[in-house]
Amino acid sequence: MTAAEKLTGITMFGAEWCSDCRRTKRQLDGLGIEYTYIDLVETPDAVEVAREISGRTQIPVVVYPDATHHVEPSNDDVSAKLRELSLI
C-alpha cells in the first residue's frame, strides 16, 4: 500500500512560507472542503511522505480520496478534481 492509499479524505502537505500552499488552503477553506493539513515545517518527518507520494520536492502536495494527487496545482486543477469527485 502506498502512502497516498493510506490517507483518507483530502490531505494537503505544505508550509506557511509557501505562497502556493496559502493559495490552495484559501481555496479549500473558501469552498468549505474538509481536509487534513500537514505543515512540513512543524512535521519534518512528513517531508518524506509527501516526496514518496509525489516523487517531487515541490509543495503543496494535495492528495485526494481516490489516491490521486496534485503537486503545485492551480485553482482550476483543484476545482476540476473536486468536481470529478462530486465534492463541489
C-alpha atoms as a PDB file:
ATOM      1  CA  MET A   1       0.000   0.000   0.000  1.00  0.00           C
ATOM      2  CA  THR A   2       1.397   3.400  -0.970  1.00  0.00           C
ATOM      3  CA  ALA A   3       1.477   6.413   1.338  1.00  0.00           C
ATOM      4  CA  ALA A   4      -1.315   8.006  -0.691  1.00  0.00           C
ATOM      5  CA  GLU A   5      -3.509   4.910  -0.304  1.00  0.00           C
ATOM      6  CA  LYS A   6      -3.105   5.051   3.494  1.00  0.00           C
ATOM      7  CA  LEU A   7      -4.551   8.575   3.681  1.00  0.00           C
ATOM      8  CA  THR A   8      -8.273   9.171   3.901  1.00  0.00           C
ATOM      9  CA  GLY A   9     -10.167  12.218   2.739  1.00  0.00           C
ATOM     10  CA  ILE A  10      -8.159  15.105   1.329  1.00  0.00           C
ATOM     11  CA  THR A  11      -4.700  15.728   2.718  1.00  0.00           C
ATOM     12  CA  MET A  12      -2.555  18.722   1.890  1.00  0.00           C
ATOM     13  CA  PHE A  13       1.169  18.834   2.597  1.00  0.00           C
ATOM     14  CA  GLY A  14       2.523  22.364   2.695  1.00  0.00           C
ATOM     15  CA  ALA A  15       4.216  25.155   4.615  1.00  0.00           C
ATOM     16  CA  GLU A  16       3.116  28.612   5.671  1.00  0.00           C
ATOM     17  CA  TRP A  17       6.046  30.252   3.849  1.00  0.00           C
ATOM     18  CA  CYS A  18       4.801  28.814   0.536  1.00  0.00           C
ATOM     19  CA  SER A  19       2.510  31.186  -1.386  1.00  0.00           C
ATOM     20  CA  ASP A  20       1.036  28.335  -3.482  1.00  0.00           C
ATOM     21  CA  CYS A  21       0.225  26.475  -0.256  1.00  0.00           C
ATOM     22  CA  ARG A  22      -1.517  29.516   1.226  1.00  0.00           C
ATOM     23  CA  ARG A  23      -3.496  29.966  -2.015  1.00  0.00           C
ATOM     24  CA  THR A  24      -4.622  26.330  -2.095  1.00  0.00           C
ATOM     25  CA  LYS A  25      -5.589  26.442   1.600  1.00  0.00           C
ATOM     26  CA  ARG A  26      -7.656  29.593   0.950  1.00  0.00           C
ATOM     27  CA  GLN A  27      -9.388  27.847  -1.944  1.00  0.00           C
ATOM     28  CA  LEU A  28     -10.240  24.715   0.047  1.00  0.00           C
ATOM     29  CA  ASP A  29     -11.360  26.790   3.042  1.00  0.00           C
ATOM     30  CA  GLY A  30     -13.450  29.071   0.816  1.00  0.00           C
ATOM     31  CA  LEU A  31     -15.202  26.070  -0.719  1.00  0.00           C
ATOM     32  CA  GLY A  32     -15.873  24.584   2.721  1.00  0.00           C
ATOM     33  CA  ILE A  33     -13.875  21.455   1.879  1.00  0.00           C
ATOM     34  CA  GLU A  34     -12.747  19.389   4.854  1.00  0.00           C
ATOM     35  CA  TYR A  35      -9.108  18.375   4.628  1.00  0.00           C
ATOM     36  CA  THR A  36      -6.129  17.484   6.767  1.00  0.00           C
ATOM     37  CA  TYR A  37      -3.302  19.994   6.582  1.00  0.00           C
ATOM     38  CA  ILE A  38       0.201  18.736   7.326  1.00  0.00           C
ATOM     39  CA  ASP A  39       2.675  21.550   7.916  1.00  0.00           C
ATOM     40  CA  LEU A  40       6.037  20.271   6.761  1.00  0.00           C
ATOM     41  CA  VAL A  41       7.894  22.742   8.983  1.00  0.00           C
ATOM     42  CA  GLU A  42       6.073  21.537  12.110  1.00  0.00           C
ATOM     43  CA  THR A  43       6.164  17.878  10.979  1.00  0.00           C
ATOM     44  CA  PRO A  44       9.506  17.427   9.190  1.00  0.00           C
ATOM     45  CA  ASP A  45       9.130  13.629   9.065  1.00  0.00           C
ATOM     46  CA  ALA A  46       6.187  14.162   6.705  1.00  0.00           C
ATOM     47  CA  VAL A  47       8.517  15.619   4.061  1.00  0.00           C
ATOM     48  CA  GLU A  48       9.479  12.087   3.040  1.00  0.00           C
ATOM     49  CA  VAL A  49       5.818  11.027   2.917  1.00  0.00           C
ATOM     50  CA  ALA A  50       4.990  13.932   0.585  1.00  0.00           C
ATOM     51  CA  ARG A  51       8.026  13.123  -1.553  1.00  0.00           C
ATOM     52  CA  GLU A  52       7.046   9.435  -1.717  1.00  0.00           C
ATOM     53  CA  ILE A  53       3.551  10.380  -2.880  1.00  0.00           C
ATOM     54  CA  SER A  54       4.569  12.961  -5.458  1.00  0.00           C
ATOM     55  CA  GLY A  55       8.031  11.876  -6.495  1.00  0.00           C
ATOM     56  CA  ARG A  56       8.985  15.544  -6.255  1.00  0.00           C
ATOM     57  CA  THR A  57      10.070  18.096  -3.681  1.00  0.00           C
ATOM     58  CA  GLN A  58       7.633  20.871  -4.657  1.00  0.00           C
ATOM     59  CA  ILE A  59       4.680  21.795  -2.478  1.00  0.00           C
ATOM     60  CA  PRO A  60       1.807  21.855  -1.957  1.00  0.00           C
ATOM     61  CA  VAL A  61       1.026  18.222  -2.487  1.00  0.00           C
ATOM     62  CA  VAL A  62      -2.734  17.655  -2.385  1.00  0.00           C
ATOM     63  CA  VAL A  63      -3.847  14.029  -2.037  1.00  0.00           C
ATOM     64  CA  TYR A  64      -7.438  13.123  -2.863  1.00  0.00           C
ATOM     65  CA  PRO A  65      -9.665  10.289  -1.568  1.00  0.00           C
ATOM     66  CA  ASP A  66      -9.106   8.299  -4.765  1.00  0.00           C
ATOM     67  CA  ALA A  67      -5.328   8.237  -4.011  1.00  0.00           C
ATOM     68  CA  THR A  68      -4.538  10.644  -6.868  1.00  0.00           C
ATOM     69  CA  HIS A  69      -2.622  13.815  -6.163  1.00  0.00           C
ATOM     70  CA  HIS A  70      -1.618  17.205  -7.471  1.00  0.00           C
ATOM     71  CA  VAL A  71       1.707  18.969  -6.965  1.00  0.00           C
ATOM     72  CA  GLU A  72       1.630  22.773  -7.072  1.00  0.00           C
ATOM     73  CA  PRO A  73      -1.904  22.711  -8.506  1.00  0.00           C
ATOM     74  CA  SER A  74      -3.655  25.719  -9.950  1.00  0.00           C
ATOM     75  CA  ASN A  75      -7.038  26.649  -8.510  1.00  0.00           C
ATOM     76  CA  ASP A  76      -8.589  25.319 -11.725  1.00  0.00           C
ATOM     77  CA  ASP A  77      -6.821  21.952 -11.252  1.00  0.00           C
ATOM     78  CA  VAL A  78      -8.162  21.641  -7.708  1.00  0.00           C
ATOM     79  CA  SER A  79     -11.685  22.706  -8.695  1.00  0.00           C
ATOM     80  CA  ALA A  80     -11.759  20.232 -11.575  1.00  0.00           C
ATOM     81  CA  LYS A  81     -10.681  17.377  -9.307  1.00  0.00           C
ATOM     82  CA  LEU A  82     -13.200  18.315  -6.626  1.00  0.00           C
ATOM     83  CA  ARG A  83     -15.954  18.368  -9.270  1.00  0.00           C
ATOM     84  CA  GLU A  84     -14.783  14.962 -10.570  1.00  0.00           C
ATOM     85  CA  LEU A  85     -15.076  13.614  -7.025  1.00  0.00           C
ATOM     86  CA  SER A  86     -18.512  15.294  -6.616  1.00  0.00           C
ATOM     87  CA  LEU A  87     -17.213  17.309  -3.666  1.00  0.00           C
ATOM     88  CA  ILE A  88     -18.370  20.651  -5.115  1.00  0.00           C
END
